[in-house]
């Protein structure tokens, strides 16, 4: 891939941390927490963890297909039931439902982010992307869910919204629109609503942004560019990439010095194929710019 100037990008090759023989089905929603990587293995219906020596563990088996994941400051996990569109709090082995989004999210929970107040933003795809006869439409929404379960739509007409990040001070929410080929930003209001929508970065049609994470320079690492993750600045300037052997679907910065970029890869994101044959890996590469300790957790933002 070339930078917008036409010059080659600064490139790093990732190493495999968890390989295809591990039993991973499809990893996403990466979080770095307490010296380990936490993530959803969607088609194995689990929350799993990995550490830098390649050890993989099942943290929690879930009774539903997960969509959306966050870790609060006290270690409580927030997990969505993708198809029933409900949000659960998991503390130790106990869970309780905190929100039912089925009246506002119409298809399935795609991904989520938790802010420093414990509120959760959840994206809904907006159309049946599993049906090859369905025409994609920009009907996706973002739902804001308060800690007490009150929920409301705060953004509409998104074209397959997926992962989200929140910038320091709970000031801005940025969402990846895969079929819009862009990152879209909103200003976060005091009540959690979103205003002043704008394009943060527009990509060419071969980039379908999926998982994203923010570094301390305010640049965003983006999955969905084929067999690499790209680092983009506001306005669309791409200056770095990390190359992998398989397509990248999610990214997160973590590690002891918060300078390891973890990448979820797989030959396909097709649920039927992934349940049948696993090609999923987690790769890792060192990057120059770290992430803050709070951003690496489920709450992708710094305290105000």
Protein backbone atom coordinates (compact mmCIF):
# COMPACT_ATOMS: atom_id res chain seq x y z
CA UNK A 1 0.00 0.00 0.00
CA UNK A 2 1.13 3.54 -0.74
CA UNK A 3 0.69 6.70 1.27
CA UNK A 4 -1.56 9.40 -0.27
CA UNK A 5 1.64 11.06 -1.54
CA UNK A 6 2.45 7.93 -3.55
CA UNK A 7 5.44 7.07 -1.38
CA UNK A 8 5.81 3.60 0.18
CA UNK A 9 4.54 3.35 3.73
CA UNK A 10 6.76 2.63 6.70
CA UNK A 11 6.18 -1.09 7.05
CA UNK A 12 6.58 -3.61 9.89
CA UNK A 13 5.95 -7.35 9.60
CA UNK A 14 3.91 -8.91 12.39
CA UNK A 15 4.80 -12.14 14.17
CA UNK A 16 2.25 -14.81 15.04
CA UNK A 17 1.40 -15.01 18.73
CA UNK A 18 -1.57 -17.42 18.62
CA UNK A 19 -1.55 -19.67 15.55
CA UNK A 20 -4.22 -21.53 13.54
CA UNK A 21 -3.77 -24.69 15.63
CA UNK A 22 -5.00 -22.97 18.80
CA UNK A 23 -8.71 -23.51 18.15
CA UNK A 24 -9.57 -19.84 17.68
CA UNK A 25 -12.70 -19.35 15.54
CA UNK A 26 -12.88 -15.60 15.03
CA UNK A 27 -11.32 -13.11 17.42
CA UNK A 28 -12.43 -9.48 17.76
CA UNK A 29 -12.95 -6.70 20.33
CA UNK A 30 -9.43 -6.79 21.73
CA UNK A 31 -8.72 -5.24 25.15
CA UNK A 32 -5.41 -5.11 27.05
CA UNK A 33 -6.01 -5.57 30.76
CA UNK A 34 -3.81 -6.61 33.70
CA UNK A 35 -0.86 -7.92 31.66
CA UNK A 36 -3.05 -9.95 29.31
CA UNK A 37 -5.03 -9.55 26.13
CA UNK A 38 -8.79 -10.07 26.48
CA UNK A 39 -11.01 -10.60 23.46
CA UNK A 40 -14.16 -12.22 22.11
CA UNK A 41 -13.89 -15.48 20.21
CA UNK A 42 -17.24 -14.90 18.57
CA UNK A 43 -17.97 -18.27 17.00
CA UNK A 44 -16.64 -20.21 19.99
CA UNK A 45 -18.97 -18.08 22.21
CA UNK A 46 -16.20 -17.24 24.65
CA UNK A 47 -14.19 -14.48 26.21
CA UNK A 48 -10.57 -15.57 25.97
CA UNK A 49 -7.20 -14.24 27.08
CA UNK A 50 -3.70 -14.42 25.68
CA UNK A 51 -0.36 -13.32 27.04
CA UNK A 52 2.93 -12.54 25.35
CA UNK A 53 4.27 -16.08 25.69
CA UNK A 54 1.44 -17.34 23.48
CA UNK A 55 -0.65 -18.87 26.27
CA UNK A 56 -4.36 -18.95 25.40
CA UNK A 57 -7.11 -19.41 28.01
CA UNK A 58 -10.90 -19.41 28.14
CA UNK A 59 -11.93 -16.70 30.62
CA UNK A 60 -15.66 -17.16 30.32
CA UNK A 61 -17.98 -19.32 28.22
CA UNK A 62 -21.03 -17.39 27.07
CA UNK A 63 -24.56 -18.71 26.44
CA UNK A 64 -24.96 -16.54 23.33
CA UNK A 65 -23.05 -15.23 20.32
CA UNK A 66 -21.23 -12.16 21.68
CA UNK A 67 -21.19 -8.77 20.00
CA UNK A 68 -19.71 -5.81 21.84
CA UNK A 69 -17.27 -6.00 24.74
CA UNK A 70 -15.87 -3.58 27.32
CA UNK A 71 -13.99 -3.75 30.61
CA UNK A 72 -14.80 -1.21 33.31
CA UNK A 73 -12.20 0.27 35.64
CA UNK A 74 -13.17 -2.19 38.41
CA UNK A 75 -12.73 -5.19 36.10
CA UNK A 76 -16.44 -5.78 35.45
CA UNK A 77 -17.00 -6.96 31.88
CA UNK A 78 -19.79 -5.61 29.68
CA UNK A 79 -20.80 -8.07 26.95
CA UNK A 80 -23.53 -7.91 24.33
CA UNK A 81 -25.72 -10.74 23.08
CA UNK A 82 -25.39 -10.00 19.36
CA UNK A 83 -28.64 -11.48 18.03
CA UNK A 84 -30.99 -10.83 20.96
CA UNK A 85 -29.49 -7.34 21.29
CA UNK A 86 -29.11 -7.31 25.07
CA UNK A 87 -26.25 -6.08 27.27
CA UNK A 88 -24.98 -8.02 30.29
CA UNK A 89 -22.63 -7.21 33.17
CA UNK A 90 -20.30 -10.04 34.14
CA UNK A 91 -18.71 -9.94 37.59
CA UNK A 92 -16.80 -13.15 38.35
CA UNK A 93 -19.12 -15.94 37.19
CA UNK A 94 -22.32 -13.99 37.70
CA UNK A 95 -24.10 -11.99 35.03
CA UNK A 96 -27.12 -9.74 34.96
CA UNK A 97 -28.90 -8.01 32.13
CA UNK A 98 -28.50 -4.25 32.22
CA UNK A 99 -30.15 -3.26 28.94
CA UNK A 100 -32.48 -4.59 26.25
CA UNK A 101 -31.72 -2.86 22.95
CA UNK A 102 -34.09 -4.90 20.78
CA UNK A 103 -36.48 -1.98 20.31
CA UNK A 104 -33.75 0.36 19.04
CA UNK A 105 -31.14 -1.95 17.45
CA UNK A 106 -32.88 -3.74 14.60
CA UNK A 107 -30.46 -6.42 13.38
CA UNK A 108 -27.48 -7.31 15.58
CA UNK A 109 -24.94 -5.76 17.92
CA UNK A 110 -21.74 -5.26 15.98
CA UNK A 111 -19.27 -3.73 18.42
CA UNK A 112 -19.12 -1.34 21.36
CA UNK A 113 -17.04 0.99 23.47
CA UNK A 114 -17.34 1.93 27.15
CA UNK A 115 -16.55 5.47 28.30
CA UNK A 116 -14.93 6.54 31.58
CA UNK A 117 -18.37 7.07 33.15
CA UNK A 118 -19.37 3.45 32.54
CA UNK A 119 -21.77 4.29 29.72
CA UNK A 120 -21.69 2.06 26.65
CA UNK A 121 -22.04 2.91 22.97
CA UNK A 122 -23.20 0.02 20.80
CA UNK A 123 -23.27 -0.19 17.00
CA UNK A 124 -26.00 -2.00 15.06
CA UNK A 125 -25.30 -2.99 11.44
CA UNK A 126 -28.80 -2.08 10.23
CA UNK A 127 -29.33 -4.78 7.58
CA UNK A 128 -28.98 -8.54 7.12
CA UNK A 129 -25.36 -8.74 5.97
CA UNK A 130 -25.52 -12.57 6.10
CA UNK A 131 -28.09 -12.73 3.28
CA UNK A 132 -26.35 -12.44 -0.13
CA UNK A 133 -29.66 -11.31 -1.67
CA UNK A 134 -29.98 -8.32 0.65
CA UNK A 135 -28.78 -5.01 -0.73
CA UNK A 136 -26.53 -3.19 1.77
CA UNK A 137 -28.14 0.00 3.03
CA UNK A 138 -26.87 2.77 5.34
CA UNK A 139 -29.37 2.01 8.09
CA UNK A 140 -26.90 1.41 10.91
CA UNK A 141 -27.24 3.14 14.26
CA UNK A 142 -25.28 3.81 17.44
CA UNK A 143 -27.14 3.24 20.70
CA UNK A 144 -26.08 4.97 23.92
CA UNK A 145 -26.73 2.90 27.06
CA UNK A 146 -26.39 4.46 30.51
CA UNK A 147 -25.11 2.48 33.47
CA UNK A 148 -28.72 2.17 34.71
CA UNK A 149 -29.84 0.60 31.40
CA UNK A 150 -31.58 3.60 29.81
CA UNK A 151 -30.88 3.43 26.07
CA UNK A 152 -31.45 5.66 23.07
CA UNK A 153 -30.29 6.00 19.48
CA UNK A 154 -27.67 8.75 19.22
CA UNK A 155 -26.59 8.35 15.55
CA UNK A 156 -28.41 7.07 12.45
CA UNK A 157 -27.83 6.35 8.76
CA UNK A 158 -24.41 4.76 9.18
CA UNK A 159 -23.13 2.38 6.50
CA UNK A 160 -22.26 -0.80 8.41
CA UNK A 161 -20.92 0.75 11.62
CA UNK A 162 -18.48 -1.38 13.51
CA UNK A 163 -15.77 -0.59 16.07
CA UNK A 164 -15.63 2.70 17.98
CA UNK A 165 -13.12 4.66 20.04
CA UNK A 166 -13.51 7.62 22.40
CA UNK A 167 -10.86 10.32 22.60
CA UNK A 168 -9.44 11.74 25.86
CA UNK A 169 -11.88 13.54 28.12
CA UNK A 170 -14.92 11.83 26.58
CA UNK A 171 -14.81 14.53 23.89
CA UNK A 172 -15.19 12.68 20.59
CA UNK A 173 -16.53 9.31 19.45
CA UNK A 174 -15.11 7.88 16.22
CA UNK A 175 -16.78 4.94 14.47
CA UNK A 176 -15.63 2.84 11.53
CA UNK A 177 -18.17 2.65 8.69
CA UNK A 178 -17.02 -0.39 6.72
CA UNK A 179 -19.16 0.13 3.62
CA UNK A 180 -18.80 3.90 3.81
CA UNK A 181 -15.01 3.38 3.61
CA UNK A 182 -14.50 6.01 6.29
CA UNK A 183 -14.05 6.87 9.93
CA UNK A 184 -16.81 9.17 11.18
CA UNK A 185 -16.53 11.43 14.23
CA UNK A 186 -19.11 12.94 16.58
CA UNK A 187 -18.81 15.36 19.47
CA UNK A 188 -20.02 13.77 22.71
CA UNK A 189 -22.43 15.90 24.73
CA UNK A 190 -22.74 15.95 28.52
CA UNK A 191 -25.82 13.69 28.39
CA UNK A 192 -24.04 11.16 26.15
CA UNK A 193 -25.76 12.23 22.93
CA UNK A 194 -23.72 12.81 19.76
CA UNK A 195 -23.59 16.00 17.68
CA UNK A 196 -21.72 17.60 14.76
CA UNK A 197 -21.07 14.55 12.62
CA UNK A 198 -18.04 14.80 10.35
CA UNK A 199 -15.76 12.58 8.26
CA UNK A 200 -12.55 11.97 10.24
CA UNK A 201 -10.84 10.04 7.42
CA UNK A 202 -12.09 8.88 4.02
CA UNK A 203 -10.48 5.83 2.39
CA UNK A 204 -10.47 4.33 -1.07
CA UNK A 205 -12.96 1.56 -1.81
CA UNK A 206 -10.47 -1.22 -1.06
CA UNK A 207 -10.41 -0.24 2.64
CA UNK A 208 -13.41 -1.34 4.69
CA UNK A 209 -12.51 -0.15 8.19
CA UNK A 210 -13.30 -2.64 10.92
CA UNK A 211 -11.49 -2.73 14.28
CA UNK A 212 -9.72 0.49 15.31
CA UNK A 213 -7.56 1.78 18.17
CA UNK A 214 -6.14 5.18 19.12
CA UNK A 215 -2.53 5.99 20.02
CA UNK A 216 -1.11 8.82 22.11
CA UNK A 217 -0.43 10.98 19.04
CA UNK A 218 -4.12 10.92 18.16
CA UNK A 219 -3.56 8.66 15.14
CA UNK A 220 -5.76 5.59 14.62
CA UNK A 221 -4.71 2.07 13.68
CA UNK A 222 -7.30 0.59 11.32
CA UNK A 223 -8.11 -3.02 10.39
CA UNK A 224 -9.99 -3.78 7.19
CA UNK A 225 -7.26 -2.95 4.67
CA UNK A 226 -6.57 -6.54 3.64
CA UNK A 227 -3.44 -8.24 4.96
CA UNK A 228 -2.27 -5.22 6.92
CA UNK A 229 -3.31 -2.68 9.52
CA UNK A 230 -2.78 0.97 8.61
CA UNK A 231 -2.09 4.00 10.78
CA UNK A 232 -4.07 7.07 9.73
CA UNK A 233 -4.18 10.67 10.93
CA UNK A 234 -7.25 12.90 10.92
CA UNK A 235 -7.86 14.00 7.36
CA UNK A 236 -6.78 10.67 5.86
CA UNK A 237 -2.98 10.73 5.83
CA UNK A 238 -1.68 7.16 6.13
CA UNK A 239 1.90 6.92 7.39
CA UNK A 240 2.51 3.35 8.60
CA UNK A 241 1.35 -0.21 8.13
CA UNK A 242 1.85 -3.56 9.80
CA UNK A 243 1.73 -6.51 7.41
CA UNK A 244 0.29 -9.95 8.21
CA UNK A 245 -0.27 -13.21 6.33
CA UNK A 246 -4.07 -13.05 6.52
CA UNK A 247 -6.69 -10.27 6.42
CA UNK A 248 -6.86 -8.20 9.62
CA UNK A 249 -10.23 -7.67 11.34
CA UNK A 250 -9.34 -6.07 14.70
CA UNK A 251 -6.43 -4.26 16.35
CA UNK A 252 -5.40 -3.09 19.82
CA UNK A 253 -2.27 -1.60 21.37
CA UNK A 254 -1.14 -3.16 24.66
CA UNK A 255 1.79 -5.06 26.13
CA UNK A 256 4.09 -4.21 29.08
CA UNK A 257 5.10 -0.82 27.65
CA UNK A 258 1.79 -0.37 25.79
CA UNK A 259 3.66 -0.49 22.49
CA UNK A 260 2.61 -3.87 21.10
CA UNK A 261 0.04 -3.81 18.31
CA UNK A 262 -2.11 -6.95 18.46
CA UNK A 263 -3.92 -7.96 15.28
CA UNK A 264 -6.78 -10.44 14.84
CA UNK A 265 -6.52 -12.17 11.47
CA UNK A 266 -8.52 -14.80 9.62
CA UNK A 267 -8.87 -16.06 6.06
CA UNK A 268 -12.55 -15.10 6.20
CA UNK A 269 -15.18 -13.36 8.32
CA UNK A 270 -17.88 -15.77 7.08
CA UNK A 271 -19.55 -17.29 10.20
CA UNK A 272 -20.30 -20.61 8.48
CA UNK A 273 -16.73 -21.08 7.29
CA UNK A 274 -15.24 -20.02 10.62
CA UNK A 275 -17.36 -22.48 12.57
CA UNK A 276 -16.28 -25.26 10.22
CA UNK A 277 -12.56 -24.55 9.78
CA UNK A 278 -10.43 -22.23 11.86
CA UNK A 279 -7.90 -19.97 10.15
CA UNK A 280 -7.84 -17.36 12.92
CA UNK A 281 -4.63 -16.06 14.48
CA UNK A 282 -3.52 -13.27 16.76
CA UNK A 283 -0.38 -11.54 15.52
CA UNK A 284 1.76 -8.90 17.21
CA UNK A 285 4.21 -6.16 16.21
CA UNK A 286 6.00 -3.44 18.15
CA UNK A 287 5.03 0.14 17.32
CA UNK A 288 6.75 3.41 18.15
CA UNK A 289 3.79 5.31 19.62
CA UNK A 290 2.13 3.83 22.71
CA UNK A 291 -1.43 3.97 23.95
CA UNK A 292 -2.51 5.23 27.39
CA UNK A 293 -3.24 2.64 30.08
CA UNK A 294 -6.93 3.54 30.11
CA UNK A 295 -7.30 3.44 26.33
CA UNK A 296 -5.95 -0.12 26.27
CA UNK A 297 -8.83 -1.29 28.47
CA UNK A 298 -12.45 -1.59 27.42
CA UNK A 299 -12.96 2.12 28.10
CA UNK A 300 -11.22 3.58 25.05
CA UNK A 301 -10.71 7.01 26.52
CA UNK A 302 -8.78 8.91 29.15
CA UNK A 303 -10.41 10.24 32.28
CA UNK A 304 -11.71 13.79 32.05
